[in-house]
Protein backbone atom coordinates (compact mmCIF):
# COMPACT_ATOMS: atom_id res chain seq x y z
CA MET A 1 0.00 0.00 0.00
CA THR A 2 1.29 3.46 -0.88
CA LYS A 3 2.11 5.55 2.15
CA PRO A 4 -0.74 8.07 2.65
CA ALA A 5 -0.02 11.77 2.60
CA SER A 6 -2.48 12.63 5.33
CA VAL A 7 -4.04 10.84 8.28
CA ILE A 8 -6.91 11.81 10.54
CA VAL A 9 -6.79 10.26 13.99
CA ILE A 10 -10.14 10.28 15.80
CA GLY A 11 -9.55 10.49 19.53
CA ALA A 12 -7.16 12.59 21.62
CA GLY A 13 -6.65 10.14 24.45
CA VAL A 14 -3.38 8.37 25.14
CA ILE A 15 -3.96 5.79 22.37
CA GLY A 16 -4.87 8.34 19.70
CA LEU A 17 -2.09 10.76 20.55
CA SER A 18 0.53 8.02 20.81
CA ALA A 19 -0.52 6.71 17.40
CA ALA A 20 -0.47 10.23 15.95
CA LEU A 21 3.08 10.78 17.22
CA ALA A 22 4.25 7.45 15.77
CA LEU A 23 2.71 8.37 12.42
CA ARG A 24 4.26 11.83 12.49
CA GLU A 25 7.63 10.24 13.24
CA ARG A 26 7.26 8.33 9.95
CA GLY A 27 6.73 11.55 8.03
CA LEU A 28 2.95 11.61 7.66
CA GLY A 29 0.76 14.66 7.98
CA VAL A 30 -1.49 14.05 10.99
CA THR A 31 -4.60 15.77 12.32
CA VAL A 32 -6.23 14.60 15.54
CA LEU A 33 -9.95 15.25 15.96
CA ASP A 34 -11.68 14.99 19.33
CA ARG A 35 -15.00 16.39 20.47
CA GLU A 36 -13.57 17.56 23.82
CA GLY A 37 -9.84 17.88 23.24
CA PRO A 38 -6.80 16.05 24.67
CA ALA A 39 -7.03 13.98 27.86
CA ALA A 40 -10.76 14.55 28.36
CA GLY A 41 -11.70 10.93 29.01
CA ALA A 42 -10.23 7.81 30.62
CA SER A 43 -6.71 8.98 29.81
CA ALA A 44 -7.10 11.68 32.46
CA GLY A 45 -8.37 9.66 35.41
CA ASN A 46 -6.81 6.22 35.20
CA ALA A 47 -4.53 4.68 37.82
CA GLY A 48 -1.38 5.70 35.97
CA ALA A 49 0.06 2.18 35.73
CA PHE A 50 1.94 0.39 32.97
CA ALA A 51 0.59 -2.97 34.07
CA PHE A 52 2.69 -5.21 31.82
CA SER A 53 2.14 -8.23 34.08
CA ASP A 54 -1.64 -7.91 33.81
CA ILE A 55 -1.91 -10.50 31.05
CA LEU A 56 -4.93 -12.44 32.35
CA PRO A 57 -8.26 -11.49 30.75
CA LEU A 58 -11.13 -10.33 32.92
CA ALA A 59 -13.18 -13.08 31.30
CA SER A 60 -12.14 -16.25 33.14
CA PRO A 61 -13.69 -19.21 34.96
CA GLY A 62 -12.74 -17.56 38.26
CA ILE A 63 -14.72 -14.44 37.41
CA LEU A 64 -17.75 -16.55 36.52
CA ARG A 65 -17.61 -18.09 39.99
CA LYS A 66 -17.33 -14.70 41.71
CA ALA A 67 -19.72 -12.77 39.47
CA PRO A 68 -23.04 -13.84 41.05
CA LYS A 69 -21.94 -12.62 44.50
CA TRP A 70 -20.39 -9.44 43.14
CA LEU A 71 -23.37 -8.56 40.95
CA LEU A 72 -25.65 -8.65 44.01
CA ASP A 73 -23.60 -5.83 45.55
CA PRO A 74 -24.33 -2.55 43.71
CA LEU A 75 -21.10 -1.08 45.13
CA GLY A 76 -18.95 -4.19 44.65
CA PRO A 77 -16.00 -4.86 42.31
CA LEU A 78 -18.24 -5.84 39.38
CA SER A 79 -21.73 -4.45 38.93
CA VAL A 80 -24.38 -3.89 36.28
CA PRO A 81 -26.98 -1.19 37.04
CA PRO A 82 -30.49 -2.69 36.74
CA ALA A 83 -31.43 -0.02 34.20
CA TYR A 84 -28.70 -1.35 31.89
CA ALA A 85 -29.01 -5.09 32.46
CA LEU A 86 -31.17 -5.91 29.43
CA ARG A 87 -29.11 -3.82 27.06
CA ILE A 88 -25.83 -5.43 28.07
CA ALA A 89 -27.14 -9.02 27.98
CA PRO A 90 -25.69 -9.87 24.50
CA TRP A 91 -22.25 -8.60 25.58
CA MET A 92 -22.44 -10.60 28.80
CA LEU A 93 -23.21 -13.74 26.79
CA ARG A 94 -20.06 -13.17 24.71
CA PHE A 95 -18.18 -12.52 27.94
CA ALA A 96 -19.37 -15.87 29.36
CA ARG A 97 -18.24 -17.66 26.19
CA ALA A 98 -14.83 -15.99 26.46
CA CYS A 99 -14.44 -17.62 29.90
CA ALA A 100 -13.97 -21.06 28.31
CA PRO A 101 -10.46 -22.36 29.21
CA ALA A 102 -9.27 -22.61 25.60
CA ARG A 103 -10.36 -19.05 24.87
CA VAL A 104 -8.76 -17.77 28.06
CA ALA A 105 -5.48 -19.43 27.07
CA ALA A 106 -5.60 -17.91 23.59
CA ALA A 107 -6.47 -14.45 24.95
CA THR A 108 -3.66 -14.68 27.51
CA ALA A 109 -1.12 -15.55 24.82
CA ALA A 110 -2.29 -12.68 22.61
CA GLN A 111 -2.32 -10.25 25.51
CA THR A 112 1.20 -11.30 26.48
CA GLY A 113 2.45 -10.56 22.98
CA LEU A 114 0.95 -7.08 23.04
CA MET A 115 2.32 -6.48 26.54
CA ASP A 116 5.83 -7.54 25.50
CA LEU A 117 5.72 -5.23 22.48
CA SER A 118 4.34 -2.36 24.53
CA LYS A 119 7.01 -2.74 27.17
CA ALA A 120 9.77 -2.85 24.55
CA GLU A 121 8.39 0.28 22.85
CA LEU A 122 7.68 2.29 26.00
CA GLU A 123 11.01 3.78 27.02
CA PRO A 124 12.12 4.62 23.46
CA PHE A 125 8.72 6.28 22.96
CA LEU A 126 9.08 8.29 26.17
CA ALA A 127 12.59 9.34 25.20
CA ALA A 128 11.44 10.41 21.73
CA THR A 129 8.55 12.45 23.14
CA GLY A 130 10.51 14.11 25.93
CA THR A 131 8.44 12.49 28.69
CA ALA A 132 10.98 10.01 30.11
CA ASP A 133 11.23 11.95 33.37
CA MET A 134 7.58 11.10 34.11
CA LEU A 135 8.26 7.36 34.31
CA ARG A 136 8.38 5.69 37.73
CA LYS A 137 9.54 2.18 38.57
CA GLU A 138 8.09 1.59 42.01
CA GLY A 139 6.47 -1.83 41.53
CA ASN A 140 3.09 -3.14 42.57
CA LEU A 141 2.03 -5.03 45.69
CA GLN A 142 -1.10 -7.17 45.57
CA VAL A 143 -2.39 -8.02 49.02
CA TYR A 144 -4.61 -10.84 50.32
CA GLU A 145 -6.71 -11.12 53.45
CA SER A 146 -6.24 -14.84 54.09
CA ARG A 147 -4.29 -17.89 53.12
CA ALA A 148 -7.31 -19.08 51.15
CA GLU A 149 -7.46 -15.88 49.08
CA PHE A 150 -3.72 -16.06 48.46
CA ASP A 151 -3.94 -19.72 47.41
CA ALA A 152 -6.77 -18.87 45.01
CA SER A 153 -4.45 -16.40 43.27
CA LEU A 154 -1.67 -18.92 42.66
CA PRO A 155 -2.90 -20.33 39.33
CA GLY A 156 -2.89 -16.80 37.93
CA TRP A 157 0.66 -16.25 39.12
CA ALA A 158 1.68 -19.60 37.64
CA ALA A 159 0.29 -18.46 34.29
CA ARG A 160 2.30 -15.25 34.54
CA GLU A 161 5.43 -17.18 35.45
CA ALA A 162 4.93 -19.39 32.39
CA HIS A 163 5.01 -16.24 30.28
CA GLY A 164 8.25 -15.00 31.85
CA ILE A 165 6.85 -12.50 34.35
CA SER A 166 8.82 -12.22 37.59
CA PHE A 167 7.29 -11.63 41.03
CA ARG A 168 7.83 -12.48 44.68
CA HIS A 169 5.31 -13.82 47.19
CA MET A 170 5.54 -12.23 50.63
CA THR A 171 4.53 -12.56 54.25
CA ALA A 172 2.99 -9.67 56.15
CA ASP A 173 6.39 -8.76 57.63
CA GLU A 174 8.01 -8.73 54.21
CA MET A 175 5.20 -6.56 52.85
CA ALA A 176 5.74 -4.06 55.66
CA GLU A 177 9.34 -3.57 54.55
CA ILE A 178 8.12 -2.41 51.15
CA GLN A 179 4.97 -0.62 52.26
CA PRO A 180 4.47 0.19 55.94
CA GLY A 181 1.00 0.97 57.21
CA ILE A 182 -1.07 -1.84 55.71
CA ALA A 183 -3.76 -3.17 58.07
CA PRO A 184 -2.87 -6.50 59.73
CA ARG A 185 -5.93 -8.16 58.16
CA PHE A 186 -3.77 -8.57 55.03
CA THR A 187 -1.64 -11.62 55.68
CA HIS A 188 -0.06 -12.37 52.30
CA GLY A 189 1.06 -10.43 49.27
CA THR A 190 2.78 -10.64 45.90
CA PHE A 191 5.22 -7.96 44.75
CA THR A 192 5.86 -7.30 41.07
CA SER A 193 8.98 -5.19 40.84
CA ASP A 194 8.84 -4.84 37.06
CA TRP A 195 5.71 -2.66 37.23
CA PHE A 196 5.96 0.91 36.01
CA SER A 197 3.74 3.94 36.44
CA ILE A 198 3.50 7.49 35.16
CA ALA A 199 3.72 10.59 37.34
CA ASP A 200 0.23 11.68 36.31
CA PRO A 201 -1.73 10.24 33.37
CA LYS A 202 -3.50 13.48 32.48
CA LEU A 203 -0.30 15.51 32.50
CA PHE A 204 1.39 12.80 30.45
CA THR A 205 -1.37 12.82 27.82
CA LEU A 206 -1.31 16.62 27.64
CA ALA A 207 2.47 16.46 27.21
CA LEU A 208 1.97 14.12 24.24
CA ALA A 209 -0.47 16.62 22.75
CA ASP A 210 2.05 19.43 23.12
CA ARG A 211 4.75 17.28 21.56
CA LEU A 212 2.54 16.49 18.57
CA ARG A 213 1.84 20.17 17.96
CA ARG A 214 5.55 21.00 18.16
CA ALA A 215 6.24 18.20 15.68
CA GLY A 216 3.88 19.73 13.14
CA GLY A 217 0.74 17.75 13.85
CA ALA A 218 -2.64 19.40 14.42
CA ILE A 219 -5.26 18.83 17.12
CA GLU A 220 -8.78 20.16 16.59
CA ARG A 221 -12.02 19.99 18.54
CA ALA A 222 -14.66 18.41 16.34
CA GLU A 223 -17.31 15.74 16.83
CA VAL A 224 -17.08 13.04 14.17
CA VAL A 225 -20.41 11.30 13.51
CA ALA A 226 -19.76 9.11 10.46
CA LEU A 227 -17.09 7.58 8.24
CA ARG A 228 -17.45 6.56 4.61
CA PRO A 229 -14.98 5.03 2.17
CA ALA A 230 -14.22 7.41 -0.69
CA ASN A 231 -12.11 7.22 -3.81
CA GLY A 232 -8.56 6.93 -2.57
CA GLY A 233 -9.43 7.79 1.02
CA VAL A 234 -12.06 8.17 3.70
CA GLU A 235 -14.74 10.82 4.19
CA VAL A 236 -15.10 12.05 7.76
CA ARG A 237 -18.43 13.70 8.54
CA MET A 238 -18.78 16.10 11.50
CA SER A 239 -21.78 16.88 13.67
CA ASP A 240 -22.05 20.34 12.06
CA GLY A 241 -22.39 18.79 8.59
CA ALA A 242 -18.83 19.52 7.48
CA VAL A 243 -17.02 16.77 5.58
CA ARG A 244 -13.28 16.21 5.42
CA THR A 245 -11.32 13.66 3.44
CA ALA A 246 -8.14 11.89 4.48
CA ALA A 247 -6.00 9.27 2.83
CA HIS A 248 -6.30 7.20 6.03
CA VAL A 249 -8.28 7.34 9.27
CA VAL A 250 -7.27 5.86 12.64
CA LEU A 251 -10.27 5.25 14.86
CA ALA A 252 -9.14 5.59 18.48
CA ALA A 253 -12.23 7.13 20.07
CA GLY A 254 -12.27 4.87 23.11
CA ALA A 255 -15.70 3.89 24.37
CA PHE A 256 -17.39 5.76 21.51
CA SER A 257 -15.50 3.91 18.76
CA HIS A 258 -18.15 1.28 18.04
CA GLN A 259 -20.64 4.01 17.15
CA LEU A 260 -18.37 5.22 14.34
CA ALA A 261 -17.54 1.66 13.26
CA ALA A 262 -21.29 1.12 12.87
CA THR A 263 -21.38 3.84 10.21
CA LEU A 264 -19.05 1.59 8.20
CA GLY A 265 -21.51 -1.28 8.60
CA GLU A 266 -19.55 -3.09 11.31
CA ARG A 267 -21.17 -4.19 14.56
CA ILE A 268 -18.51 -4.48 17.27
CA PRO A 269 -19.35 -5.64 20.81
CA LEU A 270 -17.68 -2.80 22.66
CA GLU A 271 -18.99 -2.00 26.11
CA THR A 272 -18.16 0.57 28.74
CA GLU A 273 -16.43 -0.16 32.02
CA ARG A 274 -17.27 2.92 34.03
CA GLY A 275 -14.29 3.52 36.28
CA TYR A 276 -14.47 5.58 39.48
CA ASN A 277 -11.83 7.10 41.69
CA THR A 278 -11.04 9.71 44.31
CA THR A 279 -7.76 11.61 44.16
CA LEU A 280 -6.63 12.76 47.59
CA PRO A 281 -4.10 15.54 48.18
CA VAL A 282 -0.38 14.89 48.07
CA GLY A 283 0.68 13.61 51.49
CA ALA A 284 -2.59 11.83 52.27
CA PHE A 285 -0.55 8.66 52.82
CA ASP A 286 3.10 7.64 52.69
CA LEU A 287 2.65 5.42 49.63
CA ARG A 288 5.80 3.80 48.28
CA THR A 289 4.43 1.36 45.70
CA GLN A 290 1.11 0.88 43.96
CA LEU A 291 -1.22 -1.27 46.06
CA THR A 292 -3.81 -3.63 44.58
CA PHE A 293 -6.68 -4.84 46.73
CA GLY A 294 -7.80 -7.49 44.25
CA GLY A 295 -10.51 -8.99 46.42
CA HIS A 296 -12.17 -5.58 46.50
CA GLY A 297 -11.42 -4.49 42.93
CA PHE A 298 -9.44 -1.30 43.46
CA VAL A 299 -5.93 0.12 43.62
CA VAL A 300 -4.19 2.94 45.47
CA THR A 301 -1.60 4.84 43.42
CA ARG A 302 0.88 7.61 44.21
CA LEU A 303 0.79 10.31 41.57
CA SER A 304 2.69 13.58 41.44
CA THR A 305 -0.67 15.27 41.95
CA GLY A 306 -1.98 13.16 44.83
CA ILE A 307 -3.01 9.71 46.05
CA ARG A 308 -5.57 8.07 43.75
CA VAL A 309 -8.00 5.46 45.08
CA GLY A 310 -10.00 3.85 42.33
CA GLY A 311 -10.95 0.95 40.11
CA ALA A 312 -13.82 -1.57 40.08
CA VAL A 313 -15.98 -2.40 37.07
CA GLU A 314 -19.44 -0.94 36.50
CA LEU A 315 -20.83 -2.08 33.17
CA GLY A 316 -23.28 0.76 32.72
CA GLY A 317 -22.86 2.21 29.24
CA LEU A 318 -22.38 5.82 28.21
CA ASP A 319 -25.63 7.49 29.20
CA LEU A 320 -26.49 6.68 32.82
CA PRO A 321 -25.50 9.34 35.38
CA PRO A 322 -22.42 8.62 37.53
CA ASN A 323 -22.93 6.73 40.79
CA PHE A 324 -20.30 8.31 43.00
CA ARG A 325 -21.32 6.09 45.88
CA ARG A 326 -18.88 3.67 44.25
CA SER A 327 -16.02 6.14 44.75
CA GLU A 328 -17.11 6.67 48.33
CA ALA A 329 -17.27 2.93 49.01
CA MET A 330 -13.71 2.41 47.74
CA LEU A 331 -12.45 5.33 49.79
CA ARG A 332 -14.05 3.94 52.96
CA LYS A 333 -12.35 0.61 52.36
CA ALA A 334 -9.01 2.29 51.64
CA ARG A 335 -9.27 4.12 54.96
CA ASP A 336 -9.85 0.80 56.75
CA PHE A 337 -7.09 -1.01 54.85
CA LEU A 338 -4.56 1.83 55.30
CA PRO A 339 -5.24 3.20 58.80
CA GLY A 340 -2.90 6.15 58.29
CA LEU A 341 -4.74 7.39 55.19
CA ASN A 342 -6.28 10.85 55.42
CA PRO A 343 -9.51 10.62 53.38
CA GLN A 344 -10.26 14.36 53.40
CA GLY A 345 -10.10 16.78 50.50
CA GLY A 346 -10.47 14.33 47.63
CA ALA A 347 -11.77 14.97 44.10
CA GLN A 348 -14.09 12.38 42.56
CA TRP A 349 -14.02 11.24 38.92
CA MET A 350 -15.80 8.82 36.63
CA GLY A 351 -14.63 7.80 33.15
CA PHE A 352 -15.38 5.32 30.39
CA ARG A 353 -13.07 2.39 29.72
CA PRO A 354 -13.75 0.76 26.30
CA SER A 355 -13.97 -3.01 26.84
CA MET A 356 -14.34 -6.04 24.62
CA PRO A 357 -15.77 -9.35 25.91
CA ASP A 358 -12.41 -11.16 25.74
CA SER A 359 -10.33 -8.25 27.14
CA LEU A 360 -8.40 -7.85 23.87
CA PRO A 361 -8.50 -4.56 21.95
CA ALA A 362 -9.47 -4.15 18.33
CA ILE A 363 -6.32 -3.33 16.35
CA GLY A 364 -6.35 -3.69 12.59
CA PRO A 365 -8.15 -2.65 9.40
CA ALA A 366 -11.88 -2.10 9.20
CA ARG A 367 -13.80 -4.66 7.20
CA ALA A 368 -15.20 -1.95 4.92
CA THR A 369 -11.84 -0.47 3.92
CA PRO A 370 -8.17 -0.94 4.79
CA ARG A 371 -7.90 2.84 4.88
CA VAL A 372 -9.54 2.85 8.31
CA THR A 373 -7.44 1.36 11.11
CA TYR A 374 -9.03 0.45 14.41
CA ALA A 375 -7.21 1.09 17.69
CA PHE A 376 -9.67 0.85 20.56
CA GLY A 377 -11.13 -1.46 23.20
CA HIS A 378 -8.15 -1.64 25.56
CA GLY A 379 -10.30 -1.70 28.70
CA HIS A 380 -8.23 -0.63 31.70
CA LEU A 381 -4.98 -1.18 29.78
CA GLY A 382 -4.99 1.79 27.43
CA LEU A 383 -2.01 3.55 29.01
CA THR A 384 -0.18 0.23 29.40
CA GLN A 385 -0.56 -0.72 25.75
CA SER A 386 -0.35 2.74 24.21
CA ALA A 387 3.23 2.59 22.91
CA GLY A 388 2.78 -0.90 21.47
CA THR A 389 -0.50 0.04 19.83
CA ALA A 390 1.12 3.15 18.36
CA ARG A 391 3.83 1.01 16.77
CA LEU A 392 1.24 -1.36 15.29
CA VAL A 393 -0.90 1.48 13.93
CA ALA A 394 2.12 3.10 12.31
CA ASP A 395 3.06 -0.24 10.72
CA LEU A 396 -0.43 -0.75 9.35
CA VAL A 397 -0.90 2.76 7.98
CA THR A 398 2.50 2.85 6.26
CA GLY A 399 2.20 -0.66 4.84
CA ALA A 400 5.00 -2.15 6.95
CA ALA A 401 4.77 -5.67 8.30
CA PRO A 402 3.14 -5.41 11.76
CA ALA A 403 5.43 -6.15 14.66
CA LEU A 404 2.83 -8.62 16.02
CA ASP A 405 0.35 -11.13 14.64
CA LEU A 406 -2.86 -9.11 14.62
CA ALA A 407 -5.32 -11.95 13.96
CA PRO A 408 -6.35 -12.21 17.66
CA PHE A 409 -7.12 -8.48 17.66
CA SER A 410 -9.30 -8.40 14.56
CA ALA A 411 -12.60 -6.59 15.15
CA SER A 412 -14.24 -9.33 13.10
CA ARG A 413 -13.32 -12.09 15.58
CA PHE A 414 -16.79 -12.02 17.10
């Protein structure tokens, strides 16, 4: 395929901007369109982690066993608001099918490949974009409340070990050496030293936007409502009726991406994990590593701008109002789990994570035209997989051989 002269990237989150920078690096003219501007969505409020060891899909036999109990708790780690239950039923059926052992194994292998690529691309990407000083290598500590909970986690750690991921299981005393102040109810833990984070995900994404502008790329506020193949390119229709044409389009609009894919005649089972958090002031707790309370579905992260308490999965779509009781419930638990935590003065947030039933993103050409490249559906791993996805998008758009087998990430796999 001839290298296009111009590319429109739809979406100014971390995936879209990373892809735009990779394309600009290869000499292409790039314009990013977003209805709200850079870092307006999940890229602003995520936990700030490069979770390269998080290779296990959410869809798994273990989740199926836990789901009935969790779904009965409207503030629990996994919930579906009653008003959305009927609408999400087809997605949940696909999710249940993805929990079959063979599918879990295939998804884990594919996810590992994308994680390995993303990790290899990350530091060169940060160096090239002048953001290397924002990277932190403080590890992650997952904690467990009993021997039984710890034992239940071991098959997952064995799967990670089989894929070359290093970690260390710990006693409560060993955990205290890494992170003092954890409540004694947590008796076991697992530390992943090779776990990176970013100083602040919003500031990082805004820095990428600034870098793109300095490199000659453009970022414009515009709401895209439809795509249509055109002679030698793609027509991009805006909400105000304006139409633009590009030689290639990269669709990286996060949780809204399936709506634009539908205008190309493609039905993609993308759903929305509504993520909640509270960011407390700097100094709210002496946090030395990211903490994961897996049994409760949330993490506590040290950012340059504060201490962020957030996570959980609410499958509630794009239209329901936020339920900030979820943020409050996580903060109450964090206060109990970290007795020295000061819970005052926090700012609440809710954002949309774009999620596929098998936890794998859609990366590759649209069925309607190879001049549209999909790059969405990363769930809670958008920041983690941003550099790897950018490399793959740049390969696809310029006609280079992709650095990874993209068959498992085809939007047509469903």
